[in-house]
Amino acid sequence: MDLIPGRVVRFPVTKKVPHMGWNQVKMVGDSPLFDGLPDQSYFYFVHSYYCDPHLPVSIGVCDYGLKFTCAVQKGNLFGCQFHPEKSSRLGLQILMNFGELCSRQAASEPNG
């Protein structure tokens, strides 16, 4: 179900795979998911693949030997490559921002 058209790519063998540990996220554009967070914040990653979207949906990029999209937004669809639940205080802020977005969406729907 192509919610976000693109491809999924394995990291090159020139880097340690899986990409595991803390890395900085460069915020791209303005997304409510990152409200209250400073640019270049560190988040926790554990993954061997990254997404290469074919649409301009990137709201966060990371560098692991190559720059890759690590957070996307398309309308009210959000996704991140890193683990907010393992990313301490900053990850908790992302989860709270997401909860607030969901709450606003539910309140705006009929019978919400």
N, C-alpha and C. Protein backbone atom coordinates (compact mmCIF):
# COMPACT_ATOMS: atom_id res chain seq x y z
N MET A 1 0.85 -1.18 0.00
CA MET A 1 0.00 0.00 0.00
C MET A 1 0.89 1.23 0.00
N ASP A 2 1.22 1.80 -1.10
CA ASP A 2 2.15 2.92 -1.24
C ASP A 2 1.65 4.20 -0.59
N LEU A 3 1.74 4.27 0.73
CA LEU A 3 1.37 5.50 1.42
C LEU A 3 2.36 6.61 1.08
N ILE A 4 3.63 6.25 1.03
CA ILE A 4 4.68 7.18 0.62
C ILE A 4 5.53 6.47 -0.42
N PRO A 5 5.35 6.82 -1.69
CA PRO A 5 6.12 6.14 -2.74
C PRO A 5 7.63 6.37 -2.56
N GLY A 6 8.38 5.37 -2.85
CA GLY A 6 9.83 5.45 -2.75
C GLY A 6 10.42 4.06 -2.68
N ARG A 7 11.60 3.99 -2.13
CA ARG A 7 12.24 2.69 -2.00
C ARG A 7 12.91 2.59 -0.63
N VAL A 8 13.16 1.37 -0.23
CA VAL A 8 13.87 1.09 1.01
C VAL A 8 15.22 0.51 0.63
N VAL A 9 16.28 1.07 1.21
CA VAL A 9 17.65 0.74 0.79
C VAL A 9 18.46 0.28 2.00
N ARG A 10 19.24 -0.77 1.81
CA ARG A 10 20.15 -1.23 2.87
C ARG A 10 21.38 -0.32 2.90
N PHE A 11 21.85 -0.04 4.10
CA PHE A 11 23.08 0.75 4.21
C PHE A 11 24.23 0.02 3.54
N PRO A 12 25.15 0.76 2.92
CA PRO A 12 26.30 0.10 2.28
C PRO A 12 27.17 -0.62 3.32
N VAL A 13 27.86 -1.64 2.88
CA VAL A 13 28.69 -2.44 3.79
C VAL A 13 29.92 -1.67 4.27
N THR A 14 30.13 -0.46 3.75
CA THR A 14 31.26 0.35 4.21
C THR A 14 31.03 0.91 5.61
N LYS A 15 29.79 0.84 6.10
CA LYS A 15 29.45 1.28 7.45
C LYS A 15 29.05 0.07 8.28
N LYS A 16 29.15 0.21 9.61
CA LYS A 16 28.68 -0.86 10.50
C LYS A 16 27.16 -0.93 10.41
N VAL A 17 26.67 -2.12 10.12
CA VAL A 17 25.23 -2.34 10.01
C VAL A 17 24.85 -3.43 11.01
N PRO A 18 23.86 -3.22 11.84
CA PRO A 18 22.93 -2.10 11.80
C PRO A 18 23.53 -0.81 12.35
N HIS A 19 22.98 0.29 11.88
CA HIS A 19 23.27 1.62 12.43
C HIS A 19 22.62 1.62 13.81
N MET A 20 23.44 1.62 14.84
CA MET A 20 22.92 1.49 16.20
C MET A 20 23.58 2.54 17.08
N GLY A 21 22.75 3.31 17.76
CA GLY A 21 23.25 4.31 18.69
C GLY A 21 22.64 5.68 18.44
N TRP A 22 23.23 6.67 19.08
CA TRP A 22 22.73 8.03 19.03
C TRP A 22 23.27 8.75 17.80
N ASN A 23 22.40 9.50 17.14
CA ASN A 23 22.82 10.30 15.99
C ASN A 23 21.95 11.54 15.91
N GLN A 24 22.52 12.58 15.29
CA GLN A 24 21.82 13.85 15.16
C GLN A 24 20.81 13.84 14.02
N VAL A 25 19.72 14.55 14.23
CA VAL A 25 18.69 14.70 13.21
C VAL A 25 18.62 16.18 12.83
N LYS A 26 18.82 16.45 11.56
CA LYS A 26 18.65 17.79 11.01
C LYS A 26 17.19 17.93 10.62
N MET A 27 16.50 18.89 11.23
CA MET A 27 15.09 19.10 10.93
C MET A 27 14.95 19.88 9.64
N VAL A 28 14.09 19.39 8.78
CA VAL A 28 13.89 19.98 7.45
C VAL A 28 12.48 20.56 7.42
N GLY A 29 12.36 21.82 7.10
CA GLY A 29 11.03 22.43 7.06
C GLY A 29 10.50 22.65 8.46
N ASP A 30 9.20 22.75 8.56
CA ASP A 30 8.55 23.03 9.83
C ASP A 30 7.47 21.98 10.05
N SER A 31 7.68 21.11 11.02
CA SER A 31 6.71 20.07 11.31
C SER A 31 6.30 20.15 12.78
N PRO A 32 5.01 20.03 13.07
CA PRO A 32 4.56 20.04 14.46
C PRO A 32 5.11 18.85 15.26
N LEU A 33 5.56 17.82 14.59
CA LEU A 33 6.14 16.67 15.29
C LEU A 33 7.38 17.08 16.09
N PHE A 34 8.11 18.08 15.58
CA PHE A 34 9.35 18.52 16.22
C PHE A 34 9.18 19.78 17.06
N ASP A 35 7.94 20.19 17.35
CA ASP A 35 7.71 21.39 18.16
C ASP A 35 8.45 21.28 19.50
N GLY A 36 9.14 22.36 19.86
CA GLY A 36 9.85 22.41 21.14
C GLY A 36 11.18 21.71 21.16
N LEU A 37 11.65 21.22 20.01
CA LEU A 37 12.92 20.51 19.94
C LEU A 37 13.96 21.33 19.17
N PRO A 38 15.18 21.38 19.66
CA PRO A 38 16.22 22.09 18.91
C PRO A 38 16.68 21.27 17.69
N ASP A 39 17.03 22.00 16.63
CA ASP A 39 17.60 21.36 15.45
C ASP A 39 18.88 20.63 15.85
N GLN A 40 19.21 19.59 15.14
CA GLN A 40 20.41 18.77 15.38
C GLN A 40 20.35 18.02 16.71
N SER A 41 19.13 17.73 17.18
CA SER A 41 18.96 16.93 18.40
C SER A 41 19.39 15.49 18.14
N TYR A 42 19.81 14.82 19.20
CA TYR A 42 20.22 13.41 19.11
C TYR A 42 19.05 12.49 19.43
N PHE A 43 18.92 11.43 18.61
CA PHE A 43 17.91 10.41 18.83
C PHE A 43 18.57 9.05 18.66
N TYR A 44 17.92 8.02 19.20
CA TYR A 44 18.49 6.67 19.20
C TYR A 44 18.00 5.87 17.99
N PHE A 45 18.95 5.30 17.25
CA PHE A 45 18.67 4.52 16.03
C PHE A 45 19.08 3.07 16.21
N VAL A 46 18.31 2.18 15.61
CA VAL A 46 18.68 0.77 15.45
C VAL A 46 18.03 0.33 14.14
N HIS A 47 18.81 0.30 13.06
CA HIS A 47 18.24 -0.09 11.77
C HIS A 47 19.34 -0.39 10.76
N SER A 48 19.00 -1.17 9.76
CA SER A 48 19.92 -1.54 8.69
C SER A 48 19.51 -0.97 7.35
N TYR A 49 18.31 -0.40 7.30
CA TYR A 49 17.75 0.12 6.05
C TYR A 49 17.29 1.56 6.27
N TYR A 50 17.19 2.30 5.21
CA TYR A 50 16.65 3.66 5.28
C TYR A 50 15.70 3.87 4.11
N CYS A 51 14.83 4.85 4.25
CA CYS A 51 13.87 5.12 3.18
C CYS A 51 14.40 6.20 2.26
N ASP A 52 14.06 6.07 1.01
CA ASP A 52 14.40 7.06 -0.02
C ASP A 52 13.08 7.44 -0.69
N PRO A 53 12.34 8.40 -0.08
CA PRO A 53 11.02 8.73 -0.62
C PRO A 53 11.11 9.46 -1.95
N HIS A 54 10.10 9.22 -2.81
CA HIS A 54 10.05 9.86 -4.12
C HIS A 54 9.22 11.13 -4.09
N LEU A 55 8.76 11.52 -2.92
CA LEU A 55 8.00 12.75 -2.74
C LEU A 55 8.73 13.65 -1.76
N PRO A 56 8.45 14.95 -1.78
CA PRO A 56 9.08 15.85 -0.80
C PRO A 56 8.38 15.76 0.56
N VAL A 57 8.62 14.67 1.28
CA VAL A 57 7.96 14.42 2.55
C VAL A 57 8.94 14.41 3.73
N SER A 58 10.21 14.63 3.46
CA SER A 58 11.23 14.55 4.50
C SER A 58 11.10 15.73 5.46
N ILE A 59 11.03 15.42 6.76
CA ILE A 59 11.05 16.46 7.78
C ILE A 59 12.29 16.33 8.68
N GLY A 60 13.06 15.25 8.46
CA GLY A 60 14.28 15.04 9.22
C GLY A 60 15.27 14.22 8.41
N VAL A 61 16.55 14.62 8.47
CA VAL A 61 17.60 13.87 7.79
C VAL A 61 18.72 13.59 8.79
N CYS A 62 19.44 12.53 8.51
CA CYS A 62 20.53 12.08 9.36
C CYS A 62 21.71 11.73 8.46
N ASP A 63 22.90 11.75 9.02
CA ASP A 63 24.09 11.39 8.26
C ASP A 63 24.74 10.17 8.91
N TYR A 64 24.84 9.11 8.13
CA TYR A 64 25.54 7.90 8.56
C TYR A 64 26.40 7.44 7.38
N GLY A 65 27.36 8.27 7.04
CA GLY A 65 28.18 8.00 5.86
C GLY A 65 27.50 8.49 4.60
N LEU A 66 26.20 8.67 4.67
CA LEU A 66 25.40 9.27 3.60
C LEU A 66 24.21 9.92 4.29
N LYS A 67 23.70 10.97 3.67
CA LYS A 67 22.53 11.63 4.23
C LYS A 67 21.29 10.85 3.81
N PHE A 68 20.41 10.59 4.77
CA PHE A 68 19.19 9.85 4.46
C PHE A 68 18.02 10.45 5.23
N THR A 69 16.84 10.25 4.69
CA THR A 69 15.61 10.68 5.35
C THR A 69 15.37 9.80 6.56
N CYS A 70 15.17 10.44 7.71
CA CYS A 70 14.90 9.66 8.93
C CYS A 70 13.56 10.03 9.57
N ALA A 71 12.87 11.01 9.00
CA ALA A 71 11.53 11.36 9.48
C ALA A 71 10.74 11.92 8.31
N VAL A 72 9.48 11.52 8.22
CA VAL A 72 8.62 11.95 7.11
C VAL A 72 7.27 12.44 7.65
N GLN A 73 6.67 13.29 6.84
CA GLN A 73 5.30 13.73 7.10
C GLN A 73 4.60 13.92 5.77
N LYS A 74 3.43 13.30 5.65
CA LYS A 74 2.57 13.48 4.48
C LYS A 74 1.16 13.67 5.02
N GLY A 75 0.71 14.92 5.05
CA GLY A 75 -0.58 15.22 5.68
C GLY A 75 -0.52 14.88 7.15
N ASN A 76 -1.45 14.04 7.60
CA ASN A 76 -1.44 13.65 9.02
C ASN A 76 -0.77 12.29 9.24
N LEU A 77 0.04 11.85 8.27
CA LEU A 77 0.83 10.62 8.40
C LEU A 77 2.26 11.01 8.76
N PHE A 78 2.77 10.45 9.85
CA PHE A 78 4.13 10.74 10.33
C PHE A 78 4.88 9.43 10.49
N GLY A 79 6.17 9.47 10.27
CA GLY A 79 7.00 8.30 10.51
C GLY A 79 8.42 8.73 10.84
N CYS A 80 9.09 7.95 11.68
CA CYS A 80 10.49 8.26 11.98
C CYS A 80 11.29 6.96 12.04
N GLN A 81 12.51 7.05 11.59
CA GLN A 81 13.41 5.90 11.53
C GLN A 81 14.00 5.60 12.90
N PHE A 82 14.20 6.64 13.69
CA PHE A 82 14.77 6.47 15.03
C PHE A 82 13.66 6.05 16.00
N HIS A 83 14.07 5.72 17.20
CA HIS A 83 13.14 5.23 18.23
C HIS A 83 12.88 6.33 19.25
N PRO A 84 11.73 7.04 19.15
CA PRO A 84 11.45 8.06 20.16
C PRO A 84 11.37 7.49 21.58
N GLU A 85 10.83 6.28 21.69
CA GLU A 85 10.65 5.69 23.02
C GLU A 85 11.97 5.35 23.69
N LYS A 86 13.07 5.32 22.93
CA LYS A 86 14.40 5.04 23.48
C LYS A 86 15.28 6.29 23.48
N SER A 87 14.68 7.45 23.15
CA SER A 87 15.46 8.67 22.93
C SER A 87 15.32 9.69 24.05
N SER A 88 15.11 9.22 25.25
CA SER A 88 15.12 10.06 26.44
C SER A 88 14.10 11.19 26.36
N ARG A 89 14.44 12.33 26.92
CA ARG A 89 13.54 13.48 27.04
C ARG A 89 13.08 13.99 25.69
N LEU A 90 13.98 14.03 24.70
CA LEU A 90 13.60 14.54 23.38
C LEU A 90 12.64 13.60 22.66
N GLY A 91 12.84 12.32 22.83
CA GLY A 91 11.91 11.35 22.25
C GLY A 91 10.54 11.45 22.90
N LEU A 92 10.52 11.68 24.21
CA LEU A 92 9.26 11.85 24.91
C LEU A 92 8.52 13.07 24.37
N GLN A 93 9.25 14.14 24.04
CA GLN A 93 8.62 15.34 23.47
C GLN A 93 7.97 15.01 22.12
N ILE A 94 8.63 14.21 21.31
CA ILE A 94 8.04 13.80 20.02
C ILE A 94 6.75 13.01 20.27
N LEU A 95 6.77 12.09 21.21
CA LEU A 95 5.58 11.30 21.52
C LEU A 95 4.45 12.19 22.04
N MET A 96 4.79 13.18 22.87
CA MET A 96 3.77 14.10 23.37
C MET A 96 3.22 14.96 22.23
N ASN A 97 4.09 15.42 21.33
CA ASN A 97 3.65 16.20 20.17
C ASN A 97 2.70 15.37 19.31
N PHE A 98 3.04 14.11 19.10
CA PHE A 98 2.19 13.22 18.30
C PHE A 98 0.84 13.02 18.97
N GLY A 99 0.85 12.82 20.28
CA GLY A 99 -0.40 12.67 21.02
C GLY A 99 -1.27 13.90 20.92
N GLU A 100 -0.66 15.06 20.98
CA GLU A 100 -1.40 16.32 20.84
C GLU A 100 -1.99 16.44 19.44
N LEU A 101 -1.24 16.08 18.42
CA LEU A 101 -1.75 16.10 17.04
C LEU A 101 -2.95 15.17 16.89
N CYS A 102 -2.86 13.99 17.47
CA CYS A 102 -3.97 13.02 17.40
C CYS A 102 -5.19 13.57 18.13
N SER A 103 -4.98 14.19 19.27
CA SER A 103 -6.07 14.74 20.06
C SER A 103 -6.79 15.86 19.29
N ARG A 104 -6.02 16.74 18.66
CA ARG A 104 -6.61 17.83 17.87
C ARG A 104 -7.38 17.27 16.69
N GLN A 105 -6.83 16.24 16.04
CA GLN A 105 -7.50 15.63 14.89
C GLN A 105 -8.83 15.00 15.32
N ALA A 106 -8.82 14.27 16.43
CA ALA A 106 -10.03 13.62 16.91
C ALA A 106 -11.09 14.66 17.30
N ALA A 107 -10.66 15.77 17.90
CA ALA A 107 -11.60 16.81 18.30
C ALA A 107 -12.22 17.52 17.11
N SER A 108 -11.52 17.55 15.99
CA SER A 108 -12.03 18.25 14.81
C SER A 108 -12.95 17.38 13.95
N GLU A 109 -12.98 16.09 14.22
CA GLU A 109 -13.82 15.18 13.43
C GLU A 109 -15.25 15.19 13.96
N PRO A 110 -16.22 15.01 13.06
CA PRO A 110 -17.62 14.92 13.52
C PRO A 110 -17.76 13.77 14.53
N ASN A 111 -18.52 13.97 15.54
CA ASN A 111 -18.72 13.00 16.62
C ASN A 111 -17.43 12.71 17.38
N GLY A 112 -16.45 13.64 17.30
CA GLY A 112 -15.16 13.44 17.95
C GLY A 112 -15.18 13.86 19.33
